[in-house]
Amino acid sequence: MLSRARVYVLKSLDETALRKLVHRALTEERGLGKRNLTLSDEGFQMLLSAADGDGRRLLNLLENASDLAEDNSEIGVDLLQVCSVIPVDVSTRGRSLLRSDFRAA
């Protein structure tokens, strides 16, 4: 019996490709361009590490962080830590989020 399933091998994106992806997401109008957000160099390095070459993961983390950011602001490491799976102090972060104290989280 023949299977109709196809196997797609996705290759990891390099830093240059991921940087281009972030730039497009932050500047294009159909992305986050209207919000005038910037990303710190440390923030990009954190996204790069968390994404592990996966552009979809990188964009999802960036979108989650942008949901918490104010327009015309910088997305920094503190905001990305709230959105990422990088453990900080989970119980403290959870209490802060429940109190809607995003900056403390």
C-alpha atoms as a PDB file:
ATOM      1  CA  MET A   1       0.000   0.000   0.000  1.00  0.00           C
ATOM      2  CA  LEU A   2       1.346   3.391  -0.941  1.00  0.00           C
ATOM      3  CA  SER A   3       1.227   6.208   1.551  1.00  0.00           C
ATOM      4  CA  ARG A   4       0.147   9.628   0.370  1.00  0.00           C
ATOM      5  CA  ALA A   5       2.023  11.368   3.123  1.00  0.00           C
ATOM      6  CA  ARG A   6       4.909  13.544   2.095  1.00  0.00           C
ATOM      7  CA  VAL A   7       7.965  14.140   4.163  1.00  0.00           C
ATOM      8  CA  TYR A   8       9.361  17.652   4.206  1.00  0.00           C
ATOM      9  CA  VAL A   9      12.753  18.223   5.690  1.00  0.00           C
ATOM     10  CA  LEU A  10      12.999  21.733   7.090  1.00  0.00           C
ATOM     11  CA  LYS A  11      16.477  23.123   7.477  1.00  0.00           C
ATOM     12  CA  SER A  12      17.466  25.530  10.219  1.00  0.00           C
ATOM     13  CA  LEU A  13      17.780  29.162   9.221  1.00  0.00           C
ATOM     14  CA  ASP A  14      21.064  30.920   9.858  1.00  0.00           C
ATOM     15  CA  GLU A  15      21.469  34.163  11.804  1.00  0.00           C
ATOM     16  CA  THR A  16      21.361  36.302   8.657  1.00  0.00           C
ATOM     17  CA  ALA A  17      18.053  34.821   7.531  1.00  0.00           C
ATOM     18  CA  LEU A  18      16.539  35.150  11.009  1.00  0.00           C
ATOM     19  CA  ARG A  19      17.730  38.768  11.291  1.00  0.00           C
ATOM     20  CA  LYS A  20      16.071  39.525   7.937  1.00  0.00           C
ATOM     21  CA  LEU A  21      12.872  37.865   9.151  1.00  0.00           C
ATOM     22  CA  VAL A  22      12.809  39.997  12.319  1.00  0.00           C
ATOM     23  CA  HIS A  23      13.553  43.152  10.345  1.00  0.00           C
ATOM     24  CA  ARG A  24      10.682  42.486   7.945  1.00  0.00           C
ATOM     25  CA  ALA A  25       8.296  41.660  10.788  1.00  0.00           C
ATOM     26  CA  LEU A  26       9.130  44.905  12.617  1.00  0.00           C
ATOM     27  CA  THR A  27       9.099  47.219   9.589  1.00  0.00           C
ATOM     28  CA  GLU A  28       6.512  45.982   7.115  1.00  0.00           C
ATOM     29  CA  GLU A  29       3.013  47.354   7.439  1.00  0.00           C
ATOM     30  CA  ARG A  30       1.399  43.920   7.208  1.00  0.00           C
ATOM     31  CA  GLY A  31       3.543  42.880  10.165  1.00  0.00           C
ATOM     32  CA  LEU A  32       4.288  45.036  13.196  1.00  0.00           C
ATOM     33  CA  GLY A  33       5.458  48.080  11.212  1.00  0.00           C
ATOM     34  CA  LYS A  34       2.547  50.276  12.261  1.00  0.00           C
ATOM     35  CA  ARG A  35       3.532  49.825  15.915  1.00  0.00           C
ATOM     36  CA  ASN A  36       7.031  51.294  15.452  1.00  0.00           C
ATOM     37  CA  LEU A  37       8.689  48.718  17.705  1.00  0.00           C
ATOM     38  CA  THR A  38      12.414  48.084  17.940  1.00  0.00           C
ATOM     39  CA  LEU A  39      14.357  45.107  19.209  1.00  0.00           C
ATOM     40  CA  SER A  40      17.519  45.440  21.272  1.00  0.00           C
ATOM     41  CA  ASP A  41      20.634  43.537  20.226  1.00  0.00           C
ATOM     42  CA  GLU A  42      20.419  41.502  23.426  1.00  0.00           C
ATOM     43  CA  GLY A  43      16.768  40.820  22.638  1.00  0.00           C
ATOM     44  CA  PHE A  44      17.665  39.574  19.172  1.00  0.00           C
ATOM     45  CA  GLN A  45      20.326  37.273  20.621  1.00  0.00           C
ATOM     46  CA  MET A  46      17.749  35.903  23.054  1.00  0.00           C
ATOM     47  CA  LEU A  47      15.261  35.304  20.218  1.00  0.00           C
ATOM     48  CA  LEU A  48      18.003  33.700  18.160  1.00  0.00           C
ATOM     49  CA  SER A  49      18.857  31.322  20.965  1.00  0.00           C
ATOM     50  CA  ALA A  50      15.239  30.447  21.759  1.00  0.00           C
ATOM     51  CA  ALA A  51      14.309  29.956  18.088  1.00  0.00           C
ATOM     52  CA  ASP A  52      17.128  27.489  17.455  1.00  0.00           C
ATOM     53  CA  GLY A  53      16.979  28.151  13.715  1.00  0.00           C
ATOM     54  CA  ASP A  54      13.177  27.927  13.499  1.00  0.00           C
ATOM     55  CA  GLY A  55      11.698  31.027  11.864  1.00  0.00           C
ATOM     56  CA  ARG A  56       8.172  30.208  12.991  1.00  0.00           C
ATOM     57  CA  ARG A  57       9.256  29.956  16.609  1.00  0.00           C
ATOM     58  CA  LEU A  58      11.151  33.239  16.314  1.00  0.00           C
ATOM     59  CA  LEU A  59       8.132  35.053  14.861  1.00  0.00           C
ATOM     60  CA  ASN A  60       5.789  33.573  17.472  1.00  0.00           C
ATOM     61  CA  LEU A  61       8.018  34.781  20.309  1.00  0.00           C
ATOM     62  CA  LEU A  62       8.337  38.200  18.688  1.00  0.00           C
ATOM     63  CA  GLU A  63       4.568  38.448  18.253  1.00  0.00           C
ATOM     64  CA  ASN A  64       3.944  37.430  21.870  1.00  0.00           C
ATOM     65  CA  ALA A  65       6.406  40.046  23.093  1.00  0.00           C
ATOM     66  CA  SER A  66       4.871  42.705  20.849  1.00  0.00           C
ATOM     67  CA  ASP A  67       1.453  41.999  22.377  1.00  0.00           C
ATOM     68  CA  LEU A  68       2.881  43.117  25.729  1.00  0.00           C
ATOM     69  CA  ALA A  69       4.893  46.045  24.370  1.00  0.00           C
ATOM     70  CA  GLU A  70       3.628  49.580  24.029  1.00  0.00           C
ATOM     71  CA  ASP A  71       3.707  51.250  20.622  1.00  0.00           C
ATOM     72  CA  ASN A  72       6.921  53.182  19.873  1.00  0.00           C
ATOM     73  CA  SER A  73       8.931  51.162  22.390  1.00  0.00           C
ATOM     74  CA  GLU A  74      11.800  48.707  22.424  1.00  0.00           C
ATOM     75  CA  ILE A  75      11.299  45.010  22.948  1.00  0.00           C
ATOM     76  CA  GLY A  76      13.986  44.153  25.458  1.00  0.00           C
ATOM     77  CA  VAL A  77      15.235  41.082  27.238  1.00  0.00           C
ATOM     78  CA  ASP A  78      12.885  41.582  30.193  1.00  0.00           C
ATOM     79  CA  LEU A  79       9.822  41.468  27.962  1.00  0.00           C
ATOM     80  CA  LEU A  80      11.111  38.473  26.021  1.00  0.00           C
ATOM     81  CA  GLN A  81      11.728  36.548  29.247  1.00  0.00           C
ATOM     82  CA  VAL A  82       8.042  36.895  30.063  1.00  0.00           C
ATOM     83  CA  CYS A  83       7.118  35.394  26.697  1.00  0.00           C
ATOM     84  CA  SER A  84       9.732  32.706  26.346  1.00  0.00           C
ATOM     85  CA  VAL A  85      10.247  29.285  27.783  1.00  0.00           C
ATOM     86  CA  ILE A  86      13.525  30.333  29.340  1.00  0.00           C
ATOM     87  CA  PRO A  87      13.029  29.682  33.049  1.00  0.00           C
ATOM     88  CA  VAL A  88      13.544  32.572  35.411  1.00  0.00           C
ATOM     89  CA  ASP A  89      11.571  32.133  38.614  1.00  0.00           C
ATOM     90  CA  VAL A  90       8.329  30.563  37.486  1.00  0.00           C
ATOM     91  CA  SER A  91       6.372  31.082  40.706  1.00  0.00           C
ATOM     92  CA  THR A  92       7.339  34.764  40.955  1.00  0.00           C
ATOM     93  CA  ARG A  93       6.589  35.318  37.270  1.00  0.00           C
ATOM     94  CA  GLY A  94       3.214  33.601  37.603  1.00  0.00           C
ATOM     95  CA  ARG A  95       2.185  35.729  40.574  1.00  0.00           C
ATOM     96  CA  SER A  96       3.224  38.892  38.744  1.00  0.00           C
ATOM     97  CA  LEU A  97       1.249  37.905  35.648  1.00  0.00           C
ATOM     98  CA  LEU A  98      -1.832  37.101  37.703  1.00  0.00           C
ATOM     99  CA  ARG A  99      -1.623  40.585  39.216  1.00  0.00           C
ATOM    100  CA  SER A 100      -1.196  41.951  35.640  1.00  0.00           C
ATOM    101  CA  ASP A 101       2.179  43.326  36.661  1.00  0.00           C
ATOM    102  CA  PHE A 102       3.913  42.465  33.358  1.00  0.00           C
ATOM    103  CA  ARG A 103       7.009  44.570  33.961  1.00  0.00           C
ATOM    104  CA  ALA A 104       7.741  42.740  37.243  1.00  0.00           C
ATOM    105  CA  ALA A 105       7.203  39.370  35.565  1.00  0.00           C
END
